[in-house]
Amino acid sequence: MAGVWSEERKLERWLDVELAALEAWGELGAVPADAVAEIRERAKAPSPERVAEIERETQHDLAAFVDAVAEDVGPAGRWIHHGLTSSDVVDTALSLQVRDAGELIAEGLDRAFEGVVALARRHKDDLCIGRTHGIHAEPTTFGLKLAGWAFELDRARRRLASALETMRVGKLSGAVGTYAATDPELERLACGRLELAPDPVSTQIVQRDRHAELLAALGLLAASLERFATEIRHLARTEVGEVAEPFGKGQKGSSAMPHKRNPVVAERICGLARVVRANALVGLENVALWHERDISHSSAERVVIPDSFLALDYMLERFAWLVEGLEVRTERMRRNLESARALFFSQRLLLALVESGLARGDAYRLVQRHALRAHEEEQDFRELVRADDEIASRVDLDAIFDLGWYTRHVDAVFERLGELARKEEAVHA
């Protein structure tokens, strides 16, 4: 990923655009064929150092690049950048870099998805307590929790693919987008060579709603990774202890406390998500420019687009590593579930009482009275309920206090997950 966004690669992509435009001019007969052939043979991407040296005088990076390329070509170099404006090259080349970077993010997403699916299947039936507001709610399974992550990653993958397709455009329409010094056919031919679609209507730039969509898709992916990492962090807390990050031989969790085993990778993912989300806001602010263009977007984009891709590439790699090596403590999950003193059966009991003919309000107050007492006095909810003849005479408590009630439909979710995984396997086959 660092290579995609290096200065060297950027200059290579600029040259790709210049050469595609030159060959299109040649095909249209506007540039002599021998000049096109000579430039194609002799032109090479200049070094960043040489471009920077020229730029100190020109105060214009693209102009410095054109001069640097031309000086190695000779007289034919006069045809380089013929009829183009800077944004023709910069915006079209940026689309090429985004395409390259997007392919790497897609690969990282695939690995993360596969890791989550494998872990979900492994723990499909492993019971744990579900929590809302951070408080014990009702039983679920660890696999079901992870199945939700897999579907969220799939949505992220589809959003990314859509945003990358939106970015798959180039423009060679010249100053203010009128084709006055170029030609729509030139744009079509050059973009075809670059495997891009011509922007249907550009001003002097490709409109920035495209880039905002891209950054928003990246920001949403980062937010999802943060959600997963936050869950791991909470489950790794000492008081919970249901999972733990991989911990290598010789690793140290703290410089001061040898006992520490901290969820540092998950924390790192959460921290970087803030950066990527903030970058998405910059993309939105870059949409509104003056008239046919200004360059207030340019300086910001040179930071936020590469940084978002670089951060997400790292986040996905670390998240996949985390999932693949996650220590899942199923026995601790069971102990935590049992520590609730069976309070999670409250809704099941409420429903059964309503089904027995009791008014919902009366049933709720009856169940809540025992639930609050169990909580406050640290008693077993089941024992309190069994001692209440008003409840015991109405419902089959053995059937009520059955953990299998909570997981009886888990297989249906995993059938959907299987269908999704098979579709992905077919795509990559």
Protein backbone atom coordinates (compact mmCIF):
# COMPACT_ATOMS: atom_id res chain seq x y z
CA MET A 1 0.00 0.00 0.00
CA ALA A 2 2.84 2.37 0.77
CA GLY A 3 4.12 1.76 -2.75
CA VAL A 4 0.79 2.76 -4.30
CA TRP A 5 0.97 6.15 -2.59
CA SER A 6 4.69 6.77 -2.97
CA GLU A 7 5.93 9.78 -4.91
CA GLU A 8 7.56 7.42 -7.38
CA ARG A 9 4.28 5.65 -8.13
CA LYS A 10 2.41 8.93 -8.44
CA LEU A 11 4.86 10.17 -11.07
CA GLU A 12 4.62 6.85 -12.89
CA ARG A 13 0.84 7.20 -13.01
CA TRP A 14 1.13 10.79 -14.23
CA LEU A 15 3.33 9.53 -17.05
CA ASP A 16 0.81 6.76 -17.84
CA VAL A 17 -1.85 9.42 -18.35
CA GLU A 18 0.41 11.65 -20.45
CA LEU A 19 1.38 8.74 -22.70
CA ALA A 20 -2.22 7.56 -23.07
CA ALA A 21 -3.22 11.07 -24.15
CA LEU A 22 -0.25 11.30 -26.53
CA GLU A 23 -1.09 8.00 -28.21
CA ALA A 24 -4.70 9.09 -28.55
CA TRP A 25 -3.53 12.31 -30.21
CA GLY A 26 -1.45 10.22 -32.55
CA GLU A 27 -4.41 8.03 -33.41
CA LEU A 28 -6.42 11.16 -34.19
CA GLY A 29 -3.59 12.49 -36.38
CA ALA A 30 -2.95 15.59 -34.27
CA VAL A 31 0.59 14.52 -33.24
CA PRO A 32 3.07 12.98 -35.71
CA ALA A 33 3.40 9.23 -35.40
CA ASP A 34 7.21 9.41 -35.25
CA ALA A 35 7.00 11.84 -32.31
CA VAL A 36 4.62 9.52 -30.46
CA ALA A 37 6.96 6.58 -31.04
CA GLU A 38 10.02 8.54 -29.92
CA ILE A 39 8.37 9.78 -26.75
CA ARG A 40 7.02 6.33 -25.94
CA GLU A 41 10.54 4.90 -26.29
CA ARG A 42 12.44 7.59 -24.41
CA ALA A 43 10.05 8.95 -21.80
CA LYS A 44 10.43 7.69 -18.28
CA ALA A 45 9.04 8.76 -14.96
CA PRO A 46 11.44 11.32 -13.45
CA SER A 47 12.69 10.99 -9.93
CA PRO A 48 10.86 12.85 -7.17
CA GLU A 49 14.10 14.66 -6.45
CA ARG A 50 14.37 16.03 -9.99
CA VAL A 51 10.73 17.14 -10.00
CA ALA A 52 11.20 18.83 -6.63
CA GLU A 53 14.31 20.61 -7.94
CA ILE A 54 12.41 22.05 -10.91
CA GLU A 55 9.37 22.82 -8.77
CA ARG A 56 11.43 25.12 -6.58
CA GLU A 57 11.53 27.41 -9.60
CA THR A 58 8.14 26.73 -11.24
CA GLN A 59 6.16 26.54 -7.99
CA HIS A 60 3.94 24.07 -9.83
CA ASP A 61 4.38 20.34 -9.41
CA LEU A 62 2.72 19.17 -12.62
CA ALA A 63 4.56 21.75 -14.72
CA ALA A 64 7.81 20.62 -13.09
CA PHE A 65 6.94 17.02 -13.93
CA VAL A 66 6.28 17.86 -17.59
CA ASP A 67 9.61 19.71 -17.83
CA ALA A 68 11.44 16.81 -16.20
CA VAL A 69 9.97 14.27 -18.63
CA ALA A 70 10.57 16.47 -21.67
CA GLU A 71 14.23 17.09 -20.90
CA ASP A 72 15.03 13.41 -21.46
CA VAL A 73 13.07 13.16 -24.71
CA GLY A 74 14.52 15.87 -26.91
CA PRO A 75 12.64 17.98 -29.51
CA ALA A 76 9.68 15.58 -29.59
CA GLY A 77 9.09 16.46 -25.96
CA ARG A 78 7.17 19.54 -27.04
CA TRP A 79 4.15 17.29 -27.62
CA ILE A 80 4.02 16.09 -24.00
CA HIS A 81 0.97 17.51 -22.19
CA HIS A 82 -0.42 18.79 -25.49
CA GLY A 83 -3.83 20.42 -24.98
CA LEU A 84 -4.10 19.21 -21.39
CA THR A 85 -4.50 21.01 -18.11
CA SER A 86 -2.97 19.86 -14.84
CA SER A 87 -6.15 18.32 -13.45
CA ASP A 88 -6.52 16.16 -16.56
CA VAL A 89 -3.38 14.37 -15.47
CA VAL A 90 -3.68 14.63 -11.69
CA ASP A 91 -7.31 13.55 -11.39
CA THR A 92 -7.03 10.74 -13.92
CA ALA A 93 -3.86 9.43 -12.30
CA LEU A 94 -5.49 9.63 -8.88
CA SER A 95 -8.25 7.35 -10.16
CA LEU A 96 -5.57 4.85 -11.17
CA GLN A 97 -3.95 4.99 -7.74
CA VAL A 98 -7.32 4.59 -6.04
CA ARG A 99 -8.01 1.53 -8.20
CA ASP A 100 -4.69 -0.03 -7.18
CA ALA A 101 -5.23 0.78 -3.50
CA GLY A 102 -8.81 -0.47 -3.64
CA GLU A 103 -7.67 -3.87 -4.82
CA LEU A 104 -5.43 -4.19 -1.77
CA ILE A 105 -8.21 -3.16 0.61
CA ALA A 106 -10.52 -5.69 -1.04
CA GLU A 107 -7.92 -8.41 -0.43
CA GLY A 108 -7.69 -7.38 3.22
CA LEU A 109 -11.46 -7.45 3.52
CA ASP A 110 -11.56 -10.96 2.06
CA ARG A 111 -9.06 -12.21 4.62
CA ALA A 112 -10.94 -10.55 7.49
CA PHE A 113 -14.25 -11.97 6.27
CA GLU A 114 -12.87 -15.49 5.98
CA GLY A 115 -11.34 -15.29 9.46
CA VAL A 116 -14.58 -14.10 11.03
CA VAL A 117 -16.67 -16.77 9.26
CA ALA A 118 -14.30 -19.53 10.39
CA LEU A 119 -14.36 -18.32 14.00
CA ALA A 120 -18.14 -17.92 13.95
CA ARG A 121 -18.63 -21.49 12.75
CA ARG A 122 -16.24 -22.79 15.39
CA HIS A 123 -18.26 -21.16 18.17
CA LYS A 124 -21.75 -21.40 16.69
CA ASP A 125 -23.19 -23.18 19.74
CA ASP A 126 -20.98 -21.73 22.50
CA LEU A 127 -23.29 -19.94 24.89
CA CYS A 128 -22.46 -16.53 26.31
CA ILE A 129 -24.50 -13.79 27.90
CA GLY A 130 -25.72 -11.05 25.61
CA ARG A 131 -25.42 -7.55 26.99
CA THR A 132 -27.34 -4.35 26.39
CA HIS A 133 -26.24 -1.07 27.97
CA GLY A 134 -23.30 -3.15 29.25
CA ILE A 135 -25.72 -5.12 31.47
CA HIS A 136 -26.61 -8.81 31.22
CA ALA A 137 -29.60 -9.26 28.92
CA GLU A 138 -30.27 -12.75 27.50
CA PRO A 139 -28.12 -15.65 26.32
CA THR A 140 -26.74 -15.73 22.82
CA THR A 141 -23.82 -17.60 21.29
CA PHE A 142 -20.40 -16.26 20.54
CA GLY A 143 -20.74 -17.57 17.00
CA LEU A 144 -23.96 -15.62 16.47
CA LYS A 145 -22.19 -12.45 17.56
CA LEU A 146 -19.46 -13.08 15.01
CA ALA A 147 -21.95 -13.95 12.25
CA GLY A 148 -23.17 -10.36 12.51
CA TRP A 149 -19.62 -9.16 11.97
CA ALA A 150 -19.34 -11.25 8.80
CA PHE A 151 -22.46 -9.73 7.27
CA GLU A 152 -21.26 -6.25 8.21
CA LEU A 153 -17.94 -6.89 6.49
CA ASP A 154 -19.81 -8.05 3.42
CA ARG A 155 -21.80 -4.81 3.37
CA ALA A 156 -18.55 -2.89 3.68
CA ARG A 157 -17.14 -4.83 0.76
CA ARG A 158 -20.13 -3.98 -1.42
CA ARG A 159 -20.01 -0.31 -0.43
CA LEU A 160 -16.31 -0.20 -1.26
CA ALA A 161 -16.84 -1.86 -4.63
CA SER A 162 -19.53 0.69 -5.47
CA ALA A 163 -17.34 3.62 -4.42
CA LEU A 164 -14.38 2.29 -6.40
CA GLU A 165 -16.59 1.96 -9.46
CA THR A 166 -17.71 5.57 -8.98
CA MET A 167 -14.04 6.57 -8.91
CA ARG A 168 -13.20 4.61 -12.07
CA VAL A 169 -13.25 7.71 -14.28
CA GLY A 170 -10.74 9.91 -16.03
CA LYS A 171 -11.03 13.32 -17.61
CA LEU A 172 -9.08 14.95 -20.43
CA SER A 173 -11.50 17.77 -21.15
CA GLY A 174 -8.97 20.56 -20.71
CA ALA A 175 -9.37 23.90 -19.00
CA VAL A 176 -12.87 24.35 -17.50
CA GLY A 177 -13.97 21.10 -19.13
CA THR A 178 -15.04 22.38 -22.55
CA TYR A 179 -12.68 20.25 -24.70
CA ALA A 180 -11.64 23.50 -26.39
CA ALA A 181 -8.01 22.39 -26.64
CA THR A 182 -8.67 18.66 -26.59
CA ASP A 183 -11.42 16.47 -28.03
CA PRO A 184 -14.05 14.15 -26.53
CA GLU A 185 -12.68 11.38 -28.75
CA LEU A 186 -9.21 11.96 -27.32
CA GLU A 187 -10.65 11.48 -23.84
CA ARG A 188 -12.48 8.32 -24.88
CA LEU A 189 -9.41 6.77 -26.46
CA ALA A 190 -7.03 7.72 -23.65
CA CYS A 191 -9.38 6.57 -20.89
CA GLY A 192 -9.93 3.31 -22.75
CA ARG A 193 -6.20 2.67 -22.72
CA LEU A 194 -6.18 3.30 -18.96
CA GLU A 195 -9.27 1.11 -18.41
CA LEU A 196 -11.24 4.05 -17.06
CA ALA A 197 -14.57 5.50 -18.14
CA PRO A 198 -14.61 9.14 -19.31
CA ASP A 199 -16.24 11.45 -16.81
CA PRO A 200 -19.53 12.36 -18.57
CA VAL A 201 -19.28 16.02 -17.54
CA SER A 202 -16.24 17.43 -15.82
CA THR A 203 -15.42 21.02 -15.08
CA GLN A 204 -11.69 21.50 -14.80
CA ILE A 205 -11.73 18.63 -12.35
CA VAL A 206 -13.50 15.37 -11.64
CA GLN A 207 -16.30 16.36 -9.27
CA ARG A 208 -15.49 15.63 -5.65
CA ASP A 209 -18.72 13.92 -4.67
CA ARG A 210 -17.00 10.83 -6.12
CA HIS A 211 -14.07 11.17 -3.74
CA ALA A 212 -16.41 11.94 -0.84
CA GLU A 213 -18.28 8.69 -1.52
CA LEU A 214 -14.99 6.82 -1.48
CA LEU A 215 -13.84 8.37 1.81
CA ALA A 216 -17.26 7.74 3.33
CA ALA A 217 -17.07 4.05 2.37
CA LEU A 218 -13.61 3.84 3.91
CA GLY A 219 -14.86 5.67 7.00
CA LEU A 220 -17.74 3.23 7.41
CA LEU A 221 -15.38 0.29 7.11
CA ALA A 222 -13.16 1.82 9.77
CA ALA A 223 -16.22 2.31 12.01
CA SER A 224 -17.14 -1.35 11.64
CA LEU A 225 -13.64 -2.47 12.52
CA GLU A 226 -13.78 -0.21 15.55
CA ARG A 227 -17.07 -1.81 16.60
CA PHE A 228 -15.55 -5.28 16.43
CA ALA A 229 -12.38 -4.17 18.21
CA THR A 230 -14.39 -2.44 20.93
CA GLU A 231 -16.31 -5.67 21.55
CA ILE A 232 -13.05 -7.57 21.87
CA ARG A 233 -11.73 -4.96 24.31
CA HIS A 234 -14.82 -5.22 26.49
CA LEU A 235 -14.82 -9.01 26.47
CA ALA A 236 -11.11 -8.97 27.38
CA ARG A 237 -11.64 -6.89 30.53
CA THR A 238 -10.49 -8.62 33.71
CA GLU A 239 -14.03 -8.72 35.10
CA VAL A 240 -15.32 -10.35 31.91
CA GLY A 241 -12.34 -12.35 30.62
CA GLU A 242 -14.16 -14.11 27.79
CA VAL A 243 -11.53 -13.47 25.11
CA ALA A 244 -7.89 -12.46 24.94
CA GLU A 245 -5.67 -11.15 22.17
CA PRO A 246 -2.85 -13.38 20.95
CA PHE A 247 0.18 -12.92 23.21
CA GLY A 248 3.55 -13.87 21.82
CA LYS A 249 6.48 -15.41 23.61
CA GLY A 250 8.58 -12.63 25.07
CA GLN A 251 5.84 -10.04 24.65
CA LYS A 252 5.41 -7.52 27.46
CA GLY A 253 2.09 -5.96 28.33
CA SER A 254 3.51 -3.19 30.49
CA SER A 255 6.89 -1.71 31.27
CA ALA A 256 5.94 -1.58 34.96
CA MET A 257 3.48 -4.46 35.60
CA PRO A 258 4.60 -7.90 34.42
CA HIS A 259 1.12 -9.37 34.83
CA LYS A 260 -0.47 -7.16 32.17
CA ARG A 261 -1.91 -8.63 28.99
CA ASN A 262 -3.60 -5.71 27.30
CA PRO A 263 -5.80 -5.61 24.15
CA VAL A 264 -3.37 -3.23 22.47
CA VAL A 265 -4.07 -4.25 18.88
CA ALA A 266 -7.81 -3.75 19.31
CA GLU A 267 -7.10 -0.38 20.91
CA ARG A 268 -4.88 0.55 17.99
CA ILE A 269 -7.69 -0.28 15.55
CA CYS A 270 -10.07 1.92 17.51
CA GLY A 271 -7.63 4.82 17.51
CA LEU A 272 -6.98 4.68 13.76
CA ALA A 273 -10.71 4.50 13.06
CA ARG A 274 -10.97 8.05 14.40
CA VAL A 275 -8.48 9.21 11.80
CA VAL A 276 -10.26 7.54 8.88
CA ARG A 277 -13.67 8.86 9.99
CA ALA A 278 -12.28 12.38 10.29
CA ASN A 279 -10.88 12.07 6.78
CA ALA A 280 -14.36 11.28 5.49
CA LEU A 281 -15.49 14.69 6.74
CA VAL A 282 -12.71 16.32 4.72
CA GLY A 283 -14.03 14.51 1.64
CA LEU A 284 -17.48 15.99 2.20
CA GLU A 285 -16.04 19.46 2.66
CA ASN A 286 -14.09 19.12 -0.59
CA VAL A 287 -17.27 18.78 -2.67
CA ALA A 288 -18.09 22.51 -2.69
CA LEU A 289 -15.48 24.38 -4.76
CA TRP A 290 -15.53 27.76 -6.48
CA HIS A 291 -17.05 27.82 -9.97
CA GLU A 292 -15.33 25.36 -12.33
CA ARG A 293 -12.70 24.63 -9.71
CA ASP A 294 -10.30 25.90 -7.11
CA ILE A 295 -7.56 23.89 -5.43
CA SER A 296 -8.67 24.03 -1.80
CA HIS A 297 -9.44 20.31 -2.11
CA SER A 298 -6.04 19.38 -3.47
CA SER A 299 -3.81 19.89 -0.45
CA ALA A 300 -6.26 18.10 1.84
CA GLU A 301 -6.72 15.18 -0.55
CA ARG A 302 -3.00 14.59 -0.73
CA VAL A 303 -3.22 13.76 2.97
CA VAL A 304 -6.61 12.18 3.58
CA ILE A 305 -6.91 9.78 0.63
CA PRO A 306 -3.51 8.09 1.00
CA ASP A 307 -3.76 8.15 4.80
CA SER A 308 -7.20 6.53 4.79
CA PHE A 309 -6.03 3.71 2.55
CA LEU A 310 -2.80 3.23 4.49
CA ALA A 311 -4.58 3.20 7.85
CA LEU A 312 -7.27 0.78 6.68
CA ASP A 313 -4.75 -1.55 5.07
CA TYR A 314 -2.99 -1.79 8.43
CA MET A 315 -6.26 -2.05 10.39
CA LEU A 316 -7.52 -4.91 8.24
CA GLU A 317 -4.26 -6.81 8.52
CA ARG A 318 -4.24 -6.40 12.31
CA PHE A 319 -7.91 -7.29 12.62
CA ALA A 320 -7.47 -10.46 10.58
CA TRP A 321 -4.46 -11.39 12.73
CA LEU A 322 -6.53 -10.73 15.83
CA VAL A 323 -9.44 -12.90 14.72
CA GLU A 324 -7.24 -15.72 13.49
CA GLY A 325 -5.40 -15.95 16.81
CA LEU A 326 -8.13 -14.87 19.24
CA GLU A 327 -8.20 -16.85 22.47
CA VAL A 328 -11.85 -17.66 23.16
CA ARG A 329 -12.59 -18.76 26.74
CA THR A 330 -15.85 -20.66 26.50
CA GLU A 331 -15.74 -21.87 30.11
CA ARG A 332 -15.49 -18.28 31.32
CA MET A 333 -18.43 -17.39 29.09
CA ARG A 334 -20.46 -20.09 30.78
CA ARG A 335 -19.46 -18.93 34.26
CA ASN A 336 -20.39 -15.35 33.43
CA LEU A 337 -23.73 -16.51 32.11
CA GLU A 338 -24.39 -18.48 35.29
CA SER A 339 -23.37 -15.53 37.46
CA ALA A 340 -26.60 -13.80 36.40
CA ARG A 341 -28.48 -16.12 38.81
CA ALA A 342 -30.89 -16.98 35.99
CA LEU A 343 -32.29 -13.44 35.78
CA PHE A 344 -32.17 -13.65 31.99
CA PHE A 345 -35.20 -15.97 32.10
CA SER A 346 -37.40 -12.98 33.01
CA GLN A 347 -38.71 -12.34 29.49
CA ARG A 348 -39.39 -16.03 28.90
CA LEU A 349 -41.40 -16.16 32.12
CA LEU A 350 -43.24 -12.93 31.27
CA LEU A 351 -44.34 -14.32 27.91
CA ALA A 352 -45.48 -17.58 29.43
CA LEU A 353 -47.60 -15.78 32.03
CA VAL A 354 -49.20 -13.64 29.33
CA GLU A 355 -49.90 -16.77 27.29
CA SER A 356 -51.52 -18.30 30.39
CA GLY A 357 -54.10 -15.50 30.41
CA LEU A 358 -52.55 -12.99 32.82
CA ALA A 359 -52.66 -9.31 31.80
CA ARG A 360 -49.24 -8.16 30.57
CA GLY A 361 -48.96 -5.36 33.13
CA ASP A 362 -49.76 -7.73 35.98
CA ALA A 363 -47.36 -10.34 34.62
CA TYR A 364 -44.59 -7.77 34.25
CA ARG A 365 -44.96 -6.54 37.85
CA LEU A 366 -45.04 -10.09 39.16
CA VAL A 367 -41.85 -11.12 37.35
CA GLN A 368 -40.08 -7.85 38.07
CA ARG A 369 -40.68 -8.20 41.81
CA HIS A 370 -38.79 -11.48 41.92
CA ALA A 371 -36.13 -10.24 39.51
CA LEU A 372 -35.35 -7.18 41.62
CA ARG A 373 -35.20 -9.27 44.77
CA ALA A 374 -32.86 -11.78 43.14
CA HIS A 375 -30.61 -8.96 42.05
CA GLU A 376 -30.61 -7.04 45.32
CA GLU A 377 -30.34 -10.07 47.63
CA GLU A 378 -28.12 -12.12 45.29
CA GLN A 379 -30.58 -15.00 45.19
CA ASP A 380 -31.35 -17.40 42.37
CA PHE A 381 -34.25 -16.10 40.32
CA ARG A 382 -35.49 -19.62 39.60
CA GLU A 383 -35.79 -20.52 43.27
CA LEU A 384 -37.75 -17.38 44.05
CA VAL A 385 -40.13 -18.02 41.18
CA ARG A 386 -40.64 -21.69 42.09
CA ALA A 387 -41.66 -20.62 45.59
CA ASP A 388 -44.39 -18.37 44.20
CA ASP A 389 -47.59 -20.43 43.86
CA GLU A 390 -49.25 -17.74 41.74
CA ILE A 391 -46.60 -18.34 39.06
CA ALA A 392 -45.94 -22.05 39.58
CA SER A 393 -49.63 -22.86 39.24
CA ARG A 394 -49.87 -21.14 35.87
CA VAL A 395 -46.81 -22.25 33.88
CA ASP A 396 -44.45 -25.19 33.41
CA LEU A 397 -41.32 -23.79 35.02
CA ASP A 398 -39.10 -26.66 33.86
CA ALA A 399 -39.94 -25.68 30.28
CA ILE A 400 -39.43 -21.99 31.08
CA PHE A 401 -35.96 -22.48 32.53
CA ASP A 402 -34.55 -24.17 29.42
CA LEU A 403 -31.44 -22.57 27.88
CA GLY A 404 -32.19 -24.22 24.57
CA TRP A 405 -35.09 -21.79 24.05
CA TYR A 406 -32.59 -19.02 23.36
CA THR A 407 -30.57 -20.84 20.73
CA ARG A 408 -33.24 -22.81 18.88
CA HIS A 409 -33.04 -20.57 15.80
CA VAL A 410 -29.27 -20.11 15.61
CA ASP A 411 -29.02 -22.63 12.77
CA ALA A 412 -31.25 -20.42 10.60
CA VAL A 413 -28.76 -17.56 10.87
CA PHE A 414 -25.87 -19.87 10.04
CA GLU A 415 -27.71 -21.13 6.97
CA ARG A 416 -27.73 -17.51 5.75
CA LEU A 417 -24.06 -17.19 6.62
CA GLY A 418 -23.33 -20.35 4.66
CA GLU A 419 -25.13 -18.96 1.63
CA LEU A 420 -23.11 -15.76 1.85
CA ALA A 421 -19.83 -17.63 2.22
CA ARG A 422 -20.65 -19.85 -0.76
CA LYS A 423 -21.39 -16.81 -2.90
CA GLU A 424 -18.05 -15.31 -1.98
CA GLU A 425 -16.25 -18.55 -2.74
CA ALA A 426 -17.92 -18.65 -6.15
CA VAL A 427 -16.85 -15.07 -6.89
CA HIS A 428 -13.23 -15.87 -6.10
CA ALA A 429 -13.19 -19.31 -7.75
